[in-house]
């Protein structure tokens, strides 16, 4: 054992003399710009950072390789410099979602690998839709919506990004009027003209690089459609739950309000029944008026400061003769524009 220990000591001393810095730590790291979570930019800037290198083995040559192969058998990018802080750029975009392997090396004066760093990252999507139209029939309240999308940062060249935007009428499949614009440099845009209410739209945006060497571009459509709602022209016929509910004695209001929207002109009936389905009160049509109502929203206008309701579409718990009904559960039945809806409500008494 003593002879073996002496042999190891002598071997290590000789190794340190023959290969200076053998026992000194060597380290190198990659600096990749534009990382988003674990995804790399389609055109990143890459440099190396040499934290610890033995000066006795210099001068060093620093190399960077990029490959789709973890073994780097056929790298598509290879470059070298005597300065680790050299910034390397691509002149074209990396393919979306493809995993890229980066390898940085420090080669000593003899050409041996003194240190290396390896990382791998998937390529981030070139283009993503943000709003509107994330879901089918997404409602908007403005006829001049802001279209918003995103792209990861890229170097110049091949950047900057340039975008072309088009709004499509879902029914016709055609570009709507003047709603097409090219050469947009920002990631949001508002058209000067107004879109139509109660019309379904989808939109497309194309991303390309201004200084591209290769013809690289991508077009993305909104995942869903959007519809611009209007108080004058509701998109759907709806009957809402009355409010407040319960109402009457001991609650914040002695009156309950009814709201409904009409997408098409229609005869409308709104009647209150008791739990045994006996008619208690007709809200609409009102006496002396037509049962046909025009397109619009009802219950929001002419709101009384005392009741908080449009008194034409409210109920204070009285029957047709003006007498208060008993405390209990009542049912409001709405019929209009081929929509039949019912809601339950609780009257706590006068």
Foldseek 3Di string as FASTA:
>chain_A
DVVVVVVVVVVVVVCCVVDPCPVPDWEKEKDWPQQDPQAGEQKIKIFMDTPDDDPVQDQKKKKKFKPLDPVPPDTPDIDIDSDRGDIDIDQATHDAQRKMKMKMFIATPVRDTPYMDIDIGTHHDQKAWDDDQQDAAAEDAFQWDKTFMDGTDHDPVVADKWKKKFKAFPVVRHTDDPRIDTGDRDRMDTDPDGHDALTKIKMKMKIDHPNHPDGDIDMDIRPYIYGYADQQAGNDWDWDAKPDFAAPPPDPALKIFTKIFDNAWKQKWKFKAAPVRDTFATLPPDPPDGSTDGGGIPFCPPQDPRGRTNVSGMDNQHGPVRHHDDWDKMKIWMDIPNDTDIYIGTYHHD
